[in-house]
Protein backbone atom coordinates (compact mmCIF):
# COMPACT_ATOMS: atom_id res chain seq x y z
CA MET A 1 -72.52 -42.34 -12.16
CA ASP A 2 -71.16 -45.24 -14.59
CA PHE A 3 -74.33 -45.64 -16.72
CA TYR A 4 -72.45 -44.34 -19.87
CA LYS A 5 -69.44 -45.95 -19.16
CA ASN A 6 -70.46 -49.07 -18.42
CA ILE A 7 -72.86 -49.53 -21.86
CA PRO A 8 -71.34 -52.00 -24.48
CA PRO A 9 -70.29 -50.17 -27.63
CA VAL A 10 -70.47 -50.75 -31.33
CA ASN A 11 -68.46 -51.04 -34.12
CA ASP A 12 -70.24 -50.44 -36.70
CA PHE A 13 -72.13 -47.35 -37.95
CA ARG A 14 -74.82 -49.05 -39.54
CA ALA A 15 -75.61 -50.53 -35.90
CA VAL A 16 -77.02 -47.15 -34.33
CA LEU A 17 -79.53 -47.15 -36.34
CA ASN A 18 -80.48 -50.48 -34.18
CA ASP A 19 -82.89 -49.74 -31.28
CA SER A 20 -81.45 -52.63 -29.59
CA HIS A 21 -78.44 -50.87 -29.19
CA TYR A 22 -79.63 -47.93 -26.93
CA HIS A 23 -80.00 -47.35 -23.48
CA ASN A 24 -82.44 -45.32 -21.83
CA VAL A 25 -80.94 -42.81 -19.38
CA PRO A 26 -81.91 -42.57 -15.64
CA GLN A 27 -84.54 -40.09 -15.52
CA ASP A 28 -82.79 -38.27 -12.53
CA TRP A 29 -79.89 -37.16 -14.98
CA LEU A 30 -79.92 -34.17 -16.59
CA ILE A 31 -79.36 -32.70 -20.25
CA ALA A 32 -77.51 -29.98 -21.09
CA VAL A 33 -77.88 -27.95 -24.21
CA ALA A 34 -75.61 -24.89 -25.64
CA ASP A 35 -75.86 -23.10 -28.87
CA VAL A 36 -75.05 -19.81 -30.47
CA GLU A 37 -78.13 -17.61 -30.47
CA GLY A 38 -78.49 -15.58 -33.99
CA SER A 39 -76.11 -18.51 -35.75
CA THR A 40 -77.56 -18.18 -39.15
CA LYS A 41 -77.02 -14.24 -39.16
CA ALA A 42 -73.72 -14.72 -37.62
CA VAL A 43 -73.17 -17.50 -40.89
CA ALA A 44 -74.03 -14.52 -42.94
CA ALA A 45 -71.53 -12.30 -41.11
CA GLY A 46 -68.69 -14.54 -42.01
CA GLN A 47 -68.53 -15.55 -38.37
CA TYR A 48 -68.85 -19.54 -38.80
CA LYS A 49 -65.15 -20.67 -37.61
CA GLN A 50 -66.08 -18.68 -34.79
CA VAL A 51 -69.65 -19.99 -34.11
CA ASN A 52 -67.96 -23.35 -35.10
CA ALA A 53 -64.97 -22.75 -32.29
CA LEU A 54 -67.72 -21.73 -29.66
CA GLY A 55 -69.43 -25.37 -29.86
CA ALA A 56 -66.48 -27.33 -29.30
CA ALA A 57 -64.81 -24.80 -26.49
CA ALA A 58 -68.23 -25.97 -24.55
CA VAL A 59 -67.73 -29.19 -24.94
CA THR A 60 -63.98 -28.95 -24.03
CA ALA A 61 -64.71 -27.34 -20.83
CA VAL A 62 -67.40 -29.74 -19.78
CA LEU A 63 -65.22 -32.41 -20.46
CA ASN A 64 -62.11 -30.72 -18.14
CA ALA A 65 -64.57 -29.61 -15.69
CA LEU A 66 -65.89 -33.32 -15.08
CA GLY A 67 -62.15 -34.85 -15.02
CA ASP A 68 -62.35 -39.05 -15.42
CA LEU A 69 -65.89 -38.54 -15.37
CA GLU A 70 -67.18 -40.14 -19.00
CA ILE A 71 -70.58 -38.53 -20.37
CA PRO A 72 -71.99 -38.54 -23.67
CA PHE A 73 -72.52 -35.43 -25.92
CA VAL A 74 -72.90 -34.62 -29.43
CA PHE A 75 -71.61 -31.34 -31.01
CA GLY A 76 -74.09 -29.78 -33.34
CA GLY A 77 -71.67 -27.41 -35.40
CA ASP A 78 -72.91 -24.44 -33.62
CA GLY A 79 -73.42 -25.88 -30.23
CA ALA A 80 -73.08 -29.30 -27.83
CA SER A 81 -75.57 -31.29 -25.93
CA PHE A 82 -74.38 -33.01 -22.68
CA VAL A 83 -76.11 -35.56 -20.60
CA PHE A 84 -74.90 -36.19 -17.27
CA PRO A 85 -75.59 -37.39 -13.41
CA PRO A 86 -77.13 -35.06 -10.88
CA ALA A 87 -73.72 -35.13 -9.40
CA ALA A 88 -71.89 -33.32 -11.87
CA ALA A 89 -74.40 -30.42 -12.08
CA ASN A 90 -72.96 -27.78 -10.92
CA ALA A 91 -69.53 -28.21 -12.45
CA VAL A 92 -71.09 -28.78 -16.05
CA CYS A 93 -73.00 -25.10 -15.35
CA ALA A 94 -69.91 -23.70 -14.23
CA ALA A 95 -67.86 -24.73 -17.40
CA LEU A 96 -71.01 -23.56 -19.76
CA SER A 97 -71.31 -20.35 -17.79
CA GLY A 98 -67.63 -19.63 -18.58
CA ALA A 99 -68.48 -20.30 -22.19
CA GLN A 100 -70.95 -18.02 -22.30
CA ASP A 101 -68.42 -15.45 -20.78
CA LEU A 102 -65.83 -16.81 -23.30
CA ALA A 103 -68.13 -16.10 -26.26
CA ALA A 104 -69.50 -12.80 -25.38
CA SER A 105 -65.73 -11.66 -24.39
CA VAL A 106 -63.67 -12.64 -27.81
CA PHE A 107 -66.48 -13.07 -30.17
CA SER A 108 -69.10 -10.81 -29.13
CA LEU A 109 -71.28 -14.07 -29.90
CA GLU A 110 -74.37 -14.83 -27.07
CA LEU A 111 -74.02 -18.65 -26.34
CA ARG A 112 -77.35 -19.88 -25.04
CA ALA A 113 -77.13 -22.93 -22.00
CA GLY A 114 -80.19 -24.28 -20.20
CA ILE A 115 -80.55 -27.38 -18.46
CA LEU A 116 -83.21 -29.63 -17.68
CA PRO A 117 -83.77 -33.05 -15.63
CA VAL A 118 -84.33 -35.84 -18.28
CA SER A 119 -87.78 -36.32 -16.56
CA ALA A 120 -88.91 -33.06 -18.01
CA VAL A 121 -88.85 -34.32 -21.28
CA THR A 122 -89.83 -38.01 -21.12
CA ASP A 123 -93.42 -38.77 -21.63
CA SER A 124 -95.39 -41.38 -23.80
CA ARG A 125 -93.60 -39.93 -26.89
CA HIS A 126 -90.03 -38.99 -25.63
CA SER A 127 -87.68 -40.59 -23.87
CA VAL A 128 -83.63 -40.16 -24.21
CA LYS A 129 -81.70 -42.69 -25.04
CA ILE A 130 -78.07 -43.50 -25.74
CA CYS A 131 -75.96 -45.87 -27.99
CA LYS A 132 -72.01 -45.96 -28.02
CA PHE A 133 -69.90 -46.24 -31.03
CA LYS A 134 -66.44 -47.05 -30.47
CA ILE A 135 -63.82 -44.87 -32.51
CA ASN A 136 -60.39 -46.35 -30.27
CA ASP A 137 -60.11 -48.09 -27.08
CA SER A 138 -60.19 -45.11 -25.22
CA LEU A 139 -62.21 -42.44 -27.20
CA TYR A 140 -66.31 -43.28 -28.16
CA LEU A 141 -69.36 -40.97 -29.68
CA ALA A 142 -72.19 -40.94 -27.89
CA MET A 143 -75.63 -41.39 -30.18
CA PHE A 144 -78.57 -40.19 -29.03
CA ALA A 145 -82.35 -41.59 -29.44
CA GLY A 146 -86.49 -41.13 -28.49
CA GLY A 147 -86.58 -37.43 -29.09
CA GLY A 148 -86.09 -36.29 -26.21
CA LEU A 149 -82.97 -34.13 -26.48
CA ALA A 150 -84.43 -32.46 -29.34
CA ARG A 151 -87.54 -31.64 -26.65
CA ALA A 152 -84.73 -30.11 -24.10
CA GLU A 153 -83.39 -27.62 -26.94
CA ASP A 154 -86.95 -26.64 -27.78
CA MET A 155 -87.95 -26.16 -23.72
CA ILE A 156 -84.64 -24.45 -23.39
CA LYS A 157 -84.90 -21.93 -26.18
CA ALA A 158 -88.83 -21.40 -25.17
CA ASP A 159 -88.30 -20.46 -21.15
CA PRO A 160 -84.82 -18.68 -19.60
CA ALA A 161 -85.49 -19.80 -16.56
CA HIS A 162 -83.44 -23.25 -17.84
CA SER A 163 -80.56 -21.31 -17.75
CA VAL A 164 -77.14 -22.63 -16.51
CA ARG A 165 -76.86 -19.66 -14.23
CA HIS A 166 -80.39 -19.90 -12.62
CA PHE A 167 -80.05 -23.88 -11.94
CA ALA A 168 -76.22 -23.90 -10.67
CA ASP A 169 -74.88 -22.70 -7.25
CA ALA A 170 -73.90 -19.20 -7.59
CA ASP A 171 -70.74 -19.19 -5.19
CA TYR A 172 -69.51 -22.37 -7.09
CA LEU A 173 -69.46 -20.74 -10.21
CA LYS A 174 -67.46 -17.78 -9.03
CA LYS A 175 -65.08 -20.08 -7.32
CA ASN A 176 -64.89 -22.23 -10.88
CA PRO A 177 -63.86 -20.41 -13.81
CA ALA A 178 -64.43 -22.69 -17.31
CA ASP A 179 -61.09 -24.38 -18.36
CA PHE A 180 -60.57 -24.61 -22.01
CA THR A 181 -57.53 -25.87 -21.80
CA GLY A 182 -57.35 -28.83 -25.41
CA PHE A 183 -59.23 -26.64 -27.43
CA GLN A 184 -57.73 -26.32 -30.87
CA CYS A 185 -58.35 -24.78 -34.03
CA ARG A 186 -55.11 -25.49 -36.33
CA TRP A 187 -56.07 -26.46 -39.86
CA GLN A 188 -56.62 -25.32 -42.43
CA ASN A 189 -60.05 -25.86 -44.31
CA VAL A 190 -59.51 -29.00 -45.78
CA LYS A 191 -60.55 -29.26 -49.80
CA SER A 192 -62.78 -31.57 -51.08
CA GLU A 193 -60.90 -34.07 -53.48
CA LYS A 194 -63.88 -34.89 -55.62
CA GLY A 195 -65.11 -31.48 -55.89
CA GLU A 196 -67.79 -30.65 -53.02
CA ASN A 197 -68.14 -30.89 -49.59
CA VAL A 198 -71.76 -32.02 -48.66
CA THR A 199 -73.26 -31.54 -45.52
CA LEU A 200 -76.30 -33.34 -44.71
CA MET A 201 -79.14 -33.48 -42.21
CA ILE A 202 -81.86 -36.14 -42.40
CA LYS A 203 -84.75 -36.59 -40.15
CA ALA A 204 -86.99 -39.28 -40.42
CA HIS A 205 -90.71 -38.11 -40.90
CA PRO A 206 -92.79 -38.21 -36.95
CA ALA A 207 -95.54 -39.29 -38.66
CA LYS A 208 -93.17 -42.39 -39.44
CA SER A 209 -92.00 -43.01 -36.23
CA ALA A 210 -92.68 -46.49 -35.86
CA THR A 211 -90.77 -47.45 -38.98
CA ALA A 212 -88.04 -44.79 -38.36
CA ALA A 213 -85.32 -47.58 -37.68
CA LEU A 214 -85.96 -48.82 -41.66
CA ILE A 215 -86.28 -45.64 -42.99
CA TYR A 216 -82.77 -44.27 -41.59
CA ASP A 217 -81.38 -47.79 -43.13
CA GLU A 218 -82.61 -47.07 -46.15
CA ILE A 219 -81.50 -43.78 -46.50
CA LEU A 220 -77.80 -45.42 -45.73
CA SER A 221 -78.39 -47.87 -48.30
CA GLY A 222 -79.09 -44.97 -50.85
CA ILE A 223 -76.13 -43.27 -50.36
CA ARG A 224 -73.85 -46.28 -50.61
CA LYS A 225 -75.73 -46.87 -53.82
CA ILE A 226 -74.29 -43.33 -54.86
CA TYR A 227 -71.07 -43.21 -53.41
CA GLY A 228 -69.86 -47.15 -53.34
CA MET A 229 -69.16 -49.21 -50.25
CA ASP A 230 -65.80 -48.06 -49.44
CA GLU A 231 -66.12 -45.08 -46.90
CA ALA A 232 -63.05 -44.11 -47.29
CA GLU A 233 -63.94 -42.69 -50.62
CA THR A 234 -66.50 -40.37 -48.82
CA HIS A 235 -64.67 -39.28 -45.75
CA PRO A 236 -64.55 -35.98 -46.21
CA LEU A 237 -60.76 -35.55 -44.76
CA PRO A 238 -58.78 -36.68 -47.46
CA LEU A 239 -55.27 -36.92 -46.23
CA LYS A 240 -53.38 -35.22 -48.59
CA ASN A 241 -55.90 -31.87 -47.62
CA LEU A 242 -55.09 -31.93 -43.97
CA ASN A 243 -52.81 -29.27 -43.24
CA LEU A 244 -51.68 -27.12 -40.74
CA THR A 245 -52.32 -23.38 -41.08
CA GLN A 246 -50.09 -20.49 -40.31
CA ASP A 247 -52.15 -17.54 -40.89
CA LYS A 248 -53.08 -15.75 -38.19
CA LYS A 249 -57.17 -15.05 -39.41
CA LEU A 250 -57.42 -18.78 -39.49
CA LEU A 251 -55.72 -18.69 -35.94
CA PHE A 252 -58.08 -16.50 -34.67
CA SER A 253 -60.64 -18.50 -32.53
CA ASP A 254 -57.60 -20.42 -31.32
CA ILE A 255 -55.35 -17.48 -30.06
CA GLY A 256 -58.62 -16.17 -28.49
CA ILE A 257 -60.21 -19.42 -26.59
CA ASN A 258 -56.45 -20.09 -25.54
CA ASN A 259 -55.71 -17.14 -24.12
CA TYR A 260 -58.96 -15.82 -22.42
CA ARG A 261 -58.62 -14.03 -19.65
CA LYS A 262 -55.03 -14.39 -20.20
CA SER A 263 -52.37 -10.66 -20.39
CA ALA A 264 -51.72 -9.11 -23.59
CA VAL A 265 -47.99 -10.11 -23.02
CA LYS A 266 -49.26 -13.74 -23.06
CA LYS A 267 -51.75 -13.56 -25.76
CA ALA A 268 -49.48 -11.94 -28.01
CA LEU A 269 -46.15 -13.94 -27.14
CA TYR A 270 -49.07 -17.09 -28.58
CA ALA A 271 -50.19 -14.96 -31.59
CA ALA A 272 -46.59 -15.08 -32.60
CA GLY A 273 -45.38 -18.46 -31.40
CA ILE A 274 -48.19 -20.47 -32.90
CA PRO A 275 -47.28 -19.94 -36.54
CA HIS A 276 -43.67 -21.11 -35.99
CA ALA A 277 -45.00 -24.35 -34.07
CA MET A 278 -47.66 -25.00 -36.64
CA LYS A 279 -44.88 -25.28 -39.38
CA ILE A 280 -42.80 -27.65 -37.48
CA GLY A 281 -45.87 -29.77 -37.32
CA GLN A 282 -46.51 -29.26 -40.63
CA TRP A 283 -42.76 -30.19 -41.40
CA LEU A 284 -43.07 -33.31 -39.13
CA MET A 285 -46.03 -34.62 -40.65
CA ASP A 286 -44.78 -33.95 -44.17
CA LYS A 287 -41.56 -35.78 -43.32
CA GLY A 288 -43.08 -38.94 -41.19
CA LYS A 289 -40.89 -37.50 -37.80
CA LYS A 290 -41.84 -37.77 -34.42
CA MET A 291 -41.43 -35.26 -31.76
CA GLY A 292 -42.73 -36.06 -28.06
CA ASP A 293 -46.03 -37.02 -28.51
CA PHE A 294 -46.53 -36.45 -31.88
CA ASP A 295 -46.50 -38.89 -34.65
CA GLY A 296 -45.67 -37.02 -37.57
CA ALA A 297 -45.97 -40.05 -39.89
CA GLN A 298 -49.62 -41.22 -38.42
CA TYR A 299 -51.47 -38.17 -37.24
CA ARG A 300 -52.97 -37.38 -40.53
CA ALA A 301 -54.61 -40.83 -40.44
CA ALA A 302 -55.30 -40.63 -36.68
CA VAL A 303 -57.24 -37.24 -37.23
CA ARG A 304 -59.44 -38.94 -39.81
CA ARG A 305 -60.13 -41.73 -38.25
CA GLN A 306 -61.17 -40.25 -34.63
CA SER A 307 -63.21 -37.54 -36.51
CA ASP A 308 -67.18 -36.80 -35.83
CA TRP A 309 -67.91 -37.06 -39.39
CA ARG A 310 -71.00 -39.36 -39.46
CA LYS A 311 -73.40 -39.34 -36.20
CA PHE A 312 -76.82 -39.76 -35.18
CA ASP A 313 -79.18 -37.55 -32.48
CA ASP A 314 -82.46 -38.30 -33.73
CA THR A 315 -81.26 -36.78 -36.70
CA LEU A 316 -78.56 -38.47 -39.26
CA ARG A 317 -75.94 -35.97 -39.82
CA MET A 318 -73.10 -36.95 -42.35
CA VAL A 319 -70.14 -34.99 -44.00
CA LEU A 320 -69.18 -36.18 -47.20
CA ASP A 321 -66.54 -35.53 -50.31
CA SER A 322 -68.74 -35.36 -53.28
CA ALA A 323 -68.62 -35.02 -57.09
CA PRO A 324 -71.07 -32.64 -58.52
CA GLU A 325 -72.97 -35.71 -60.00
CA GLN A 326 -73.15 -37.48 -56.90
CA THR A 327 -74.47 -34.27 -55.32
CA ALA A 328 -77.08 -34.48 -57.54
CA ARG A 329 -78.05 -37.72 -57.39
CA LEU A 330 -77.98 -37.21 -53.75
CA LYS A 331 -80.56 -34.52 -53.76
CA ALA A 332 -82.69 -36.03 -56.41
CA PHE A 333 -82.68 -39.49 -53.92
CA LEU A 334 -83.48 -37.44 -50.68
CA ASP A 335 -86.19 -35.28 -52.88
CA GLY A 336 -87.89 -38.56 -53.76
CA ARG A 337 -88.19 -39.57 -49.77
CA LYS A 338 -89.24 -35.98 -48.90
CA ASN A 339 -91.91 -36.03 -51.30
CA GLU A 340 -93.28 -39.57 -50.00
CA ASN A 341 -93.58 -38.13 -46.70
CA ARG A 342 -90.71 -40.04 -45.22
CA ILE A 343 -87.91 -37.77 -44.22
CA PHE A 344 -87.07 -34.10 -44.09
CA TYR A 345 -83.72 -32.89 -44.89
CA GLY A 346 -81.10 -29.79 -44.90
CA ILE A 347 -78.14 -30.07 -47.51
CA HIS A 348 -75.32 -27.75 -47.67
CA THR A 349 -72.72 -27.59 -50.39
CA ALA A 350 -68.85 -26.10 -49.56
CA LYS A 351 -65.34 -26.55 -51.39
CA SER A 352 -64.14 -27.91 -48.14
CA ALA A 353 -64.81 -28.53 -44.75
CA LEU A 354 -63.79 -27.49 -41.32
CA LEU A 355 -62.44 -28.97 -38.65
CA THR A 356 -61.78 -28.46 -34.97
CA CYS A 357 -60.73 -29.83 -32.50
CA MET A 358 -59.97 -31.21 -29.04
CA VAL A 359 -56.68 -32.75 -27.64
CA PHE A 360 -55.78 -33.58 -24.26
CA ASP A 361 -53.34 -35.82 -25.30
CA ARG A 362 -51.21 -36.80 -29.12
CA ALA A 363 -51.10 -40.42 -29.05
CA GLU A 364 -55.03 -41.68 -28.49
CA ARG A 365 -57.24 -38.80 -26.80
CA HIS A 366 -58.01 -36.39 -28.95
CA LEU A 367 -61.36 -36.14 -31.11
CA HIS A 368 -61.90 -33.73 -34.34
CA PHE A 369 -65.59 -32.08 -34.85
CA VAL A 370 -66.04 -31.74 -38.60
CA ASP A 371 -68.46 -29.59 -40.01
CA GLY A 372 -68.75 -27.97 -43.74
CA ALA A 373 -67.00 -24.76 -44.48
CA ASP A 374 -69.36 -21.36 -44.97
CA GLY A 375 -72.35 -22.81 -42.82
CA GLY A 376 -72.40 -26.69 -43.04
CA TYR A 377 -74.73 -27.80 -40.19
CA THR A 378 -76.24 -24.33 -39.48
CA LEU A 379 -77.43 -24.00 -42.98
CA ALA A 380 -78.41 -27.24 -43.55
CA ALA A 381 -80.61 -27.27 -40.23
CA ALA A 382 -82.26 -23.99 -41.42
CA GLN A 383 -83.40 -25.45 -44.28
CA MET A 384 -84.55 -28.56 -42.84
CA LYS A 385 -86.58 -27.18 -40.11
CA GLU A 386 -88.26 -24.67 -43.18
CA GLN A 387 -89.00 -28.32 -44.64
CA MET A 388 -90.40 -29.50 -41.34
CA ALA A 389 -92.50 -25.75 -40.83
CA GLN A 390 -93.72 -26.15 -44.36
CA ASN A 391 -95.43 -29.14 -43.73
CA MET A 392 -97.00 -28.09 -40.30
CA ARG A 393 -98.21 -25.34 -42.64
CA ASP A 394 -99.58 -27.88 -45.13
CA SER A 395 -101.23 -29.99 -42.47
CA GLY A 396 -102.95 -27.32 -40.70
């Protein structure tokens, strides 16, 4: 049960690319994957904020269901993946089943959610390994390697028999509704300081698996040559552009998720009150004032610090603040590595970043999921998958 809790964390992001920091997940543990079906079409229909919100809501529900049990997970823009001990299976299934109902009821979207044992995806070429990246003394991000997570996602997509509804105890699902307490979607889209927001996904070519760590390290070095060594210069959340929204259209996901299964009266009261609460929160941040556990002077910096703007799950994922000329250099650099059959990549540019949050307390236990606006990771993933498919066609 304490496997993940006992993993020693790393503090330097570059260390997450070093295989020596990864630990094999026990074979009897389970993998759950949730993702919005037809997310690319939903993006084209202008629903990316809702797609993004569903991924974050699924994470929130799972963590609420598990209480104090610490498990690894990763947010992918249009969904999330989790690894957990067998004793937590019913709780995770109930949370994801509830997220499926939420997706259909509030957003008219379909959330696929499935579960597999780690042993089912482990063979001579695949494993599930985890590294723990420290954000603060009570908050960590899980990084994944070994290829097992992606294999689990493919298997779950291919066979509906892996659905969480088939796996879990039906009575448990009925008696344990999902709890989305802590989900928040209350920020304006965060405008780029340099002109462009770049959402980036990079995967080492399978033929280069023996040297994948070196390839990723080379990629990070190349990015630093383009953007400089100061990570503050590439962070997608400029402090002065972090502002709460009072626009009910932007608050739609927050209102819908936080009032799921509540009466029309309660939903109306929440919808009427939240813009005023956001106005107060904005004033506290602008004036550097404190109210309860909300420290307006520190909160913007805390949000920026406690965000998942870079991560690794067999794919290097980053959201960067970029000048147009830097974006052009980045694309040229990545094209060069792709043409050498070293990597596949996907890139999406927008004018701002999208921020979806999980707030259990505002002092320390809050995490902020970063994605590019207008499609971000979903469209970058589509581009990367097309490169991989083209490579298969060329090889065949």
